[in-house]
Amino acid sequence: MAEADHHIEIQVDTRYLEARSDPDQDRYAFAYTVTLTNRGRQGARLLSRHWVIRDAHNRAREVFGEGVVGETPYLAPGKSYRYSSGAVLETELGTMEGEYQMVADDGEPFEAEIPRFTLSIPRTLH
């Protein structure tokens, strides 16, 4: 397998959900939108996900699950898939990272790394 056969680019945009948060109860809600783009030469299907979610006290929790938002999307070469989800932290700052388990058209399983990104309330709300 050539490295370029399996390459999923992942971009994440985040936002703080003030209306769903309750700082007095240490509840900070965030939304994130993930865009996966298949930069490889083969199509691939997303089978499952693994997240590591960390708060500002370095408390981590792991999340494992099938697909994303109830789907196991297929990405043909050059195509993208976008979905939105959310996370709730006990602190106003945290990070998320992980990987998607994928399978390529040739049957080869591989992981697409989700780079660490930050969840943070906007400075104007501090």
N, C-alpha and C. Protein backbone atom coordinates (compact mmCIF):
# COMPACT_ATOMS: atom_id res chain seq x y z
N MET A 1 0.85 -1.19 0.00
CA MET A 1 0.00 0.00 0.00
C MET A 1 0.89 1.24 0.00
N ALA A 2 0.64 2.12 -0.92
CA ALA A 2 1.34 3.41 -0.93
C ALA A 2 0.62 4.35 0.02
N GLU A 3 1.38 5.18 0.69
CA GLU A 3 0.80 6.10 1.67
C GLU A 3 -0.30 6.95 1.07
N ALA A 4 -0.13 7.35 -0.19
CA ALA A 4 -1.10 8.25 -0.82
C ALA A 4 -2.42 7.55 -1.14
N ASP A 5 -2.45 6.21 -1.03
CA ASP A 5 -3.71 5.51 -1.27
C ASP A 5 -4.75 5.87 -0.22
N HIS A 6 -4.29 6.03 1.04
CA HIS A 6 -5.20 6.28 2.17
C HIS A 6 -4.79 7.57 2.87
N HIS A 7 -5.49 8.64 2.59
CA HIS A 7 -5.16 9.91 3.25
C HIS A 7 -6.45 10.71 3.43
N ILE A 8 -6.87 10.84 4.69
CA ILE A 8 -8.07 11.61 5.01
C ILE A 8 -7.63 12.88 5.74
N GLU A 9 -7.96 14.02 5.16
CA GLU A 9 -7.66 15.32 5.79
C GLU A 9 -8.84 15.69 6.68
N ILE A 10 -8.55 16.15 7.89
CA ILE A 10 -9.61 16.47 8.86
C ILE A 10 -9.44 17.90 9.35
N GLN A 11 -10.52 18.67 9.24
CA GLN A 11 -10.54 20.05 9.75
C GLN A 11 -11.71 20.16 10.71
N VAL A 12 -11.51 20.94 11.78
CA VAL A 12 -12.54 21.09 12.80
C VAL A 12 -12.75 22.57 13.11
N ASP A 13 -14.02 22.98 13.15
CA ASP A 13 -14.41 24.32 13.60
C ASP A 13 -15.23 24.15 14.87
N THR A 14 -14.98 25.01 15.86
CA THR A 14 -15.68 24.89 17.14
C THR A 14 -16.40 26.19 17.48
N ARG A 15 -17.39 26.06 18.36
CA ARG A 15 -18.02 27.26 18.91
C ARG A 15 -18.62 26.94 20.27
N TYR A 16 -18.65 27.96 21.10
CA TYR A 16 -19.19 27.86 22.45
C TYR A 16 -20.70 28.05 22.37
N LEU A 17 -21.44 27.22 23.08
CA LEU A 17 -22.91 27.31 23.10
C LEU A 17 -23.35 27.92 24.43
N GLU A 18 -23.36 29.25 24.46
CA GLU A 18 -23.66 29.96 25.70
C GLU A 18 -25.04 29.59 26.24
N ALA A 19 -26.04 29.48 25.36
CA ALA A 19 -27.40 29.20 25.79
C ALA A 19 -27.55 27.80 26.41
N ARG A 20 -26.67 26.88 26.07
CA ARG A 20 -26.73 25.52 26.61
C ARG A 20 -25.75 25.30 27.76
N SER A 21 -25.05 26.35 28.15
CA SER A 21 -24.06 26.25 29.21
C SER A 21 -24.60 26.83 30.51
N ASP A 22 -24.03 26.40 31.61
CA ASP A 22 -24.38 26.91 32.93
C ASP A 22 -23.11 26.96 33.78
N PRO A 23 -22.35 28.07 33.63
CA PRO A 23 -21.07 28.17 34.36
C PRO A 23 -21.21 27.99 35.87
N ASP A 24 -22.36 28.40 36.45
CA ASP A 24 -22.55 28.22 37.90
C ASP A 24 -22.59 26.75 38.29
N GLN A 25 -22.92 25.89 37.34
CA GLN A 25 -22.96 24.44 37.57
C GLN A 25 -21.77 23.72 36.91
N ASP A 26 -20.74 24.49 36.53
CA ASP A 26 -19.57 23.93 35.84
C ASP A 26 -19.98 23.14 34.60
N ARG A 27 -20.83 23.73 33.81
CA ARG A 27 -21.30 23.10 32.57
C ARG A 27 -21.02 24.05 31.41
N TYR A 28 -20.14 23.63 30.52
CA TYR A 28 -19.75 24.43 29.36
C TYR A 28 -19.99 23.59 28.11
N ALA A 29 -20.92 24.03 27.28
CA ALA A 29 -21.30 23.26 26.09
C ALA A 29 -20.63 23.84 24.84
N PHE A 30 -20.17 22.96 24.00
CA PHE A 30 -19.49 23.35 22.76
C PHE A 30 -20.04 22.53 21.60
N ALA A 31 -20.06 23.16 20.44
CA ALA A 31 -20.38 22.46 19.20
C ALA A 31 -19.10 22.40 18.38
N TYR A 32 -18.98 21.34 17.60
CA TYR A 32 -17.86 21.25 16.66
C TYR A 32 -18.36 20.68 15.34
N THR A 33 -17.79 21.20 14.27
CA THR A 33 -18.11 20.72 12.93
C THR A 33 -16.84 20.15 12.32
N VAL A 34 -16.91 18.90 11.92
CA VAL A 34 -15.77 18.20 11.36
C VAL A 34 -15.97 18.05 9.85
N THR A 35 -14.93 18.38 9.09
CA THR A 35 -14.93 18.14 7.65
C THR A 35 -13.83 17.15 7.34
N LEU A 36 -14.22 16.01 6.76
CA LEU A 36 -13.28 14.99 6.33
C LEU A 36 -13.20 15.07 4.81
N THR A 37 -11.99 15.12 4.28
CA THR A 37 -11.78 15.16 2.83
C THR A 37 -10.83 14.02 2.46
N ASN A 38 -11.26 13.22 1.50
CA ASN A 38 -10.43 12.11 1.06
C ASN A 38 -9.41 12.60 0.04
N ARG A 39 -8.15 12.72 0.49
CA ARG A 39 -7.05 13.16 -0.37
C ARG A 39 -6.28 11.96 -0.94
N GLY A 40 -6.76 10.76 -0.66
CA GLY A 40 -6.10 9.55 -1.14
C GLY A 40 -6.56 9.15 -2.52
N ARG A 41 -6.01 8.05 -3.00
CA ARG A 41 -6.36 7.55 -4.34
C ARG A 41 -7.48 6.53 -4.31
N GLN A 42 -7.87 6.08 -3.10
CA GLN A 42 -8.94 5.10 -2.99
C GLN A 42 -10.08 5.66 -2.15
N GLY A 43 -11.28 5.20 -2.46
CA GLY A 43 -12.43 5.53 -1.63
C GLY A 43 -12.28 4.85 -0.28
N ALA A 44 -12.98 5.37 0.73
CA ALA A 44 -12.90 4.80 2.07
C ALA A 44 -14.20 5.06 2.83
N ARG A 45 -14.53 4.13 3.72
CA ARG A 45 -15.70 4.27 4.57
C ARG A 45 -15.26 4.45 6.02
N LEU A 46 -15.89 5.40 6.70
CA LEU A 46 -15.66 5.61 8.13
C LEU A 46 -16.50 4.59 8.89
N LEU A 47 -15.84 3.76 9.70
CA LEU A 47 -16.54 2.71 10.44
C LEU A 47 -16.84 3.10 11.88
N SER A 48 -15.85 3.70 12.56
CA SER A 48 -16.02 4.03 13.97
C SER A 48 -15.11 5.19 14.36
N ARG A 49 -15.29 5.63 15.61
CA ARG A 49 -14.54 6.79 16.10
C ARG A 49 -14.04 6.52 17.51
N HIS A 50 -12.97 7.21 17.85
CA HIS A 50 -12.41 7.20 19.21
C HIS A 50 -11.99 8.63 19.52
N TRP A 51 -12.56 9.19 20.58
CA TRP A 51 -12.23 10.54 21.02
C TRP A 51 -11.60 10.49 22.39
N VAL A 52 -10.65 11.40 22.63
CA VAL A 52 -10.14 11.68 23.97
C VAL A 52 -10.48 13.14 24.23
N ILE A 53 -11.33 13.35 25.24
CA ILE A 53 -11.81 14.69 25.59
C ILE A 53 -11.20 15.05 26.94
N ARG A 54 -10.47 16.17 26.99
CA ARG A 54 -9.76 16.59 28.20
C ARG A 54 -10.24 17.97 28.62
N ASP A 55 -10.43 18.15 29.94
CA ASP A 55 -10.78 19.47 30.43
C ASP A 55 -9.54 20.20 30.93
N ALA A 56 -9.71 21.39 31.48
CA ALA A 56 -8.58 22.21 31.91
C ALA A 56 -7.84 21.62 33.12
N HIS A 57 -8.46 20.66 33.82
CA HIS A 57 -7.80 20.00 34.95
C HIS A 57 -7.12 18.71 34.50
N ASN A 58 -7.02 18.53 33.18
CA ASN A 58 -6.40 17.36 32.56
C ASN A 58 -7.16 16.06 32.86
N ARG A 59 -8.44 16.19 33.23
CA ARG A 59 -9.28 15.01 33.38
C ARG A 59 -9.70 14.58 31.98
N ALA A 60 -9.49 13.31 31.68
CA ALA A 60 -9.78 12.83 30.32
C ALA A 60 -10.91 11.81 30.36
N ARG A 61 -11.70 11.82 29.32
CA ARG A 61 -12.67 10.75 29.12
C ARG A 61 -12.59 10.32 27.67
N GLU A 62 -12.77 9.05 27.46
CA GLU A 62 -12.70 8.50 26.11
C GLU A 62 -14.09 8.13 25.64
N VAL A 63 -14.31 8.32 24.35
CA VAL A 63 -15.59 7.99 23.72
C VAL A 63 -15.29 7.10 22.52
N PHE A 64 -15.95 5.96 22.48
CA PHE A 64 -15.84 5.04 21.35
C PHE A 64 -17.24 4.87 20.77
N GLY A 65 -17.34 4.73 19.46
CA GLY A 65 -18.66 4.49 18.89
C GLY A 65 -18.59 4.17 17.42
N GLU A 66 -19.67 3.60 16.94
CA GLU A 66 -19.78 3.30 15.52
C GLU A 66 -20.11 4.58 14.76
N GLY A 67 -19.50 4.74 13.61
CA GLY A 67 -19.81 5.85 12.72
C GLY A 67 -19.74 7.21 13.40
N VAL A 68 -20.42 8.16 12.78
CA VAL A 68 -20.56 9.51 13.32
C VAL A 68 -21.99 9.96 13.08
N VAL A 69 -22.61 10.57 14.06
CA VAL A 69 -24.00 11.03 14.01
C VAL A 69 -24.92 10.00 13.32
N GLY A 70 -24.73 8.73 13.67
CA GLY A 70 -25.58 7.67 13.15
C GLY A 70 -25.29 7.24 11.72
N GLU A 71 -24.20 7.69 11.17
CA GLU A 71 -23.86 7.35 9.78
C GLU A 71 -22.47 6.74 9.70
N THR A 72 -22.24 5.96 8.65
CA THR A 72 -20.90 5.45 8.31
C THR A 72 -20.60 5.94 6.89
N PRO A 73 -20.22 7.21 6.77
CA PRO A 73 -20.10 7.82 5.44
C PRO A 73 -18.99 7.22 4.58
N TYR A 74 -19.26 7.21 3.27
CA TYR A 74 -18.28 6.77 2.28
C TYR A 74 -17.73 8.02 1.60
N LEU A 75 -16.39 8.09 1.50
CA LEU A 75 -15.74 9.23 0.85
C LEU A 75 -14.99 8.73 -0.39
N ALA A 76 -15.49 9.07 -1.54
CA ALA A 76 -14.77 8.78 -2.78
C ALA A 76 -13.55 9.69 -2.83
N PRO A 77 -12.52 9.33 -3.61
CA PRO A 77 -11.36 10.21 -3.72
C PRO A 77 -11.78 11.64 -4.11
N GLY A 78 -11.24 12.62 -3.39
CA GLY A 78 -11.54 14.02 -3.67
C GLY A 78 -12.82 14.54 -3.05
N LYS A 79 -13.62 13.67 -2.45
CA LYS A 79 -14.91 14.08 -1.87
C LYS A 79 -14.78 14.36 -0.38
N SER A 80 -15.73 15.16 0.13
CA SER A 80 -15.73 15.54 1.55
C SER A 80 -17.04 15.13 2.21
N TYR A 81 -17.00 15.04 3.52
CA TYR A 81 -18.17 14.77 4.34
C TYR A 81 -18.06 15.67 5.56
N ARG A 82 -19.17 16.32 5.91
CA ARG A 82 -19.17 17.25 7.04
C ARG A 82 -20.30 16.87 7.99
N TYR A 83 -20.01 16.94 9.29
CA TYR A 83 -21.05 16.71 10.29
C TYR A 83 -20.76 17.58 11.50
N SER A 84 -21.79 17.79 12.30
CA SER A 84 -21.67 18.57 13.53
C SER A 84 -22.11 17.74 14.72
N SER A 85 -21.44 17.97 15.84
CA SER A 85 -21.78 17.29 17.08
C SER A 85 -21.41 18.23 18.23
N GLY A 86 -21.36 17.70 19.44
CA GLY A 86 -21.07 18.57 20.57
C GLY A 86 -20.44 17.83 21.72
N ALA A 87 -19.95 18.61 22.67
CA ALA A 87 -19.34 18.08 23.89
C ALA A 87 -19.62 19.05 25.03
N VAL A 88 -19.72 18.50 26.23
CA VAL A 88 -19.92 19.31 27.43
C VAL A 88 -18.74 19.07 28.36
N LEU A 89 -18.14 20.16 28.82
CA LEU A 89 -17.01 20.09 29.74
C LEU A 89 -17.40 20.70 31.08
N GLU A 90 -16.60 20.38 32.11
CA GLU A 90 -16.79 20.99 33.43
C GLU A 90 -15.92 22.22 33.61
N THR A 91 -15.11 22.55 32.60
CA THR A 91 -14.26 23.74 32.64
C THR A 91 -14.48 24.53 31.35
N GLU A 92 -14.08 25.79 31.36
CA GLU A 92 -14.30 26.65 30.19
C GLU A 92 -13.26 26.45 29.09
N LEU A 93 -12.35 25.53 29.32
CA LEU A 93 -11.30 25.25 28.35
C LEU A 93 -11.03 23.75 28.32
N GLY A 94 -10.83 23.22 27.13
CA GLY A 94 -10.51 21.80 27.00
C GLY A 94 -10.01 21.49 25.61
N THR A 95 -9.69 20.22 25.39
CA THR A 95 -9.24 19.78 24.08
C THR A 95 -9.93 18.47 23.71
N MET A 96 -9.93 18.20 22.41
CA MET A 96 -10.40 16.92 21.89
C MET A 96 -9.42 16.46 20.83
N GLU A 97 -9.26 15.14 20.72
CA GLU A 97 -8.45 14.54 19.67
C GLU A 97 -8.85 13.08 19.58
N GLY A 98 -8.37 12.40 18.55
CA GLY A 98 -8.69 10.99 18.43
C GLY A 98 -8.39 10.46 17.05
N GLU A 99 -9.20 9.46 16.66
CA GLU A 99 -9.04 8.92 15.32
C GLU A 99 -10.33 8.26 14.86
N TYR A 100 -10.45 8.20 13.54
CA TYR A 100 -11.54 7.48 12.90
C TYR A 100 -10.95 6.18 12.35
N GLN A 101 -11.66 5.08 12.56
CA GLN A 101 -11.26 3.82 11.96
C GLN A 101 -11.96 3.75 10.60
N MET A 102 -11.15 3.55 9.57
CA MET A 102 -11.63 3.58 8.19
C MET A 102 -11.31 2.24 7.52
N VAL A 103 -11.99 1.97 6.41
CA VAL A 103 -11.62 0.85 5.56
C VAL A 103 -11.65 1.35 4.12
N ALA A 104 -10.57 1.06 3.39
CA ALA A 104 -10.45 1.51 2.00
C ALA A 104 -11.13 0.52 1.06
N ASP A 105 -11.31 0.95 -0.17
CA ASP A 105 -11.94 0.10 -1.19
C ASP A 105 -11.22 -1.23 -1.36
N ASP A 106 -9.91 -1.26 -1.12
CA ASP A 106 -9.15 -2.51 -1.28
C ASP A 106 -9.26 -3.41 -0.05
N GLY A 107 -10.09 -3.00 0.94
CA GLY A 107 -10.28 -3.79 2.14
C GLY A 107 -9.29 -3.50 3.24
N GLU A 108 -8.32 -2.63 2.98
CA GLU A 108 -7.28 -2.29 3.94
C GLU A 108 -7.84 -1.37 5.03
N PRO A 109 -7.78 -1.79 6.31
CA PRO A 109 -8.19 -0.89 7.38
C PRO A 109 -7.07 0.12 7.66
N PHE A 110 -7.46 1.33 8.04
CA PHE A 110 -6.48 2.34 8.43
C PHE A 110 -7.15 3.34 9.35
N GLU A 111 -6.33 4.13 10.05
CA GLU A 111 -6.86 5.16 10.95
C GLU A 111 -6.61 6.53 10.36
N ALA A 112 -7.58 7.41 10.52
CA ALA A 112 -7.44 8.81 10.15
C ALA A 112 -7.35 9.59 11.45
N GLU A 113 -6.20 10.20 11.70
CA GLU A 113 -5.97 10.91 12.95
C GLU A 113 -6.75 12.23 12.98
N ILE A 114 -7.41 12.46 14.11
CA ILE A 114 -8.11 13.72 14.35
C ILE A 114 -7.15 14.57 15.18
N PRO A 115 -6.57 15.62 14.58
CA PRO A 115 -5.61 16.43 15.34
C PRO A 115 -6.28 17.11 16.54
N ARG A 116 -5.50 17.32 17.59
CA ARG A 116 -6.02 17.98 18.79
C ARG A 116 -6.55 19.37 18.43
N PHE A 117 -7.73 19.68 18.96
CA PHE A 117 -8.27 21.03 18.81
C PHE A 117 -8.79 21.49 20.16
N THR A 118 -8.94 22.80 20.28
CA THR A 118 -9.29 23.42 21.56
C THR A 118 -10.77 23.79 21.60
N LEU A 119 -11.37 23.57 22.75
CA LEU A 119 -12.72 24.05 23.06
C LEU A 119 -12.52 25.14 24.11
N SER A 120 -13.00 26.35 23.81
CA SER A 120 -12.78 27.46 24.73
C SER A 120 -13.90 28.48 24.59
N ILE A 121 -14.30 29.06 25.72
CA ILE A 121 -15.28 30.13 25.61
C ILE A 121 -14.59 31.38 25.07
N PRO A 122 -15.31 32.21 24.33
CA PRO A 122 -14.70 33.43 23.78
C PRO A 122 -14.21 34.35 24.89
N ARG A 123 -13.11 35.02 24.63
CA ARG A 123 -12.51 35.93 25.62
C ARG A 123 -13.51 36.99 26.11
N THR A 124 -14.41 37.41 25.25
CA THR A 124 -15.37 38.46 25.62
C THR A 124 -16.32 38.00 26.71
N LEU A 125 -16.42 36.68 26.96
CA LEU A 125 -17.33 36.15 27.98
C LEU A 125 -16.61 35.89 29.30
N HIS A 126 -15.30 36.00 29.34
CA HIS A 126 -14.53 35.72 30.56
C HIS A 126 -14.83 36.74 31.63
